[in-house]
């Protein structure tokens, strides 16, 4: 996903440095969001016995 984010950011900005920054930021946010999502769902007892 890093490469896809980088390519899209580069297509929009035309700057490599900005594209790298956007890619790192976006993937960091995605990682934290995924981690928190999984932690929250592990507390839900639906379907467990």
Protein backbone atom coordinates (compact mmCIF):
# COMPACT_ATOMS: atom_id res chain seq x y z
CA UNK A 1 0.00 0.00 0.00
CA UNK A 2 2.93 2.33 0.56
CA UNK A 3 3.77 2.30 -3.13
CA UNK A 4 0.18 2.98 -4.20
CA UNK A 5 -0.09 5.89 -1.77
CA UNK A 6 3.26 7.23 -2.97
CA UNK A 7 2.26 7.04 -6.65
CA UNK A 8 -1.06 8.79 -6.07
CA UNK A 9 0.56 11.49 -3.94
CA UNK A 10 3.29 11.98 -6.53
CA UNK A 11 0.71 12.25 -9.31
CA UNK A 12 -1.11 14.95 -7.34
CA UNK A 13 1.88 16.94 -6.06
CA UNK A 14 4.71 16.22 -8.48
CA UNK A 15 7.18 16.30 -5.59
CA UNK A 16 9.02 13.24 -4.32
CA UNK A 17 9.64 14.60 -0.80
CA UNK A 18 6.00 15.51 -0.30
CA UNK A 19 4.90 12.15 -1.66
CA UNK A 20 7.15 10.28 0.76
CA UNK A 21 5.81 12.35 3.66
CA UNK A 22 2.22 11.73 2.67
CA UNK A 23 2.88 8.00 2.25
CA UNK A 24 4.55 7.66 5.63
CA UNK A 25 1.81 9.68 7.34
CA UNK A 26 -1.06 7.86 5.69
CA UNK A 27 0.36 4.40 6.35
CA UNK A 28 1.13 5.30 9.96
CA UNK A 29 -2.47 6.40 10.47
CA UNK A 30 -3.75 3.23 8.78
CA UNK A 31 -1.59 1.04 11.02
CA UNK A 32 -2.73 2.74 14.23
CA UNK A 33 -6.37 2.67 13.12
CA UNK A 34 -6.17 -1.05 12.29
CA UNK A 35 -4.56 -1.81 15.65
CA UNK A 36 -7.22 0.12 17.58
CA UNK A 37 -10.01 -1.47 15.51
CA UNK A 38 -8.76 -4.97 16.32
CA UNK A 39 -8.37 -4.13 20.02
CA UNK A 40 -11.96 -2.87 20.18
CA UNK A 41 -13.40 -5.87 18.34
CA UNK A 42 -11.55 -8.27 20.63
CA UNK A 43 -13.72 -6.93 23.48
CA UNK A 44 -17.00 -7.72 21.71
CA UNK A 45 -18.50 -11.02 22.80
CA UNK A 46 -20.96 -11.48 19.94
CA UNK A 47 -21.06 -15.08 18.77
CA UNK A 48 -18.69 -16.33 21.46
CA UNK A 49 -19.66 -18.97 23.97
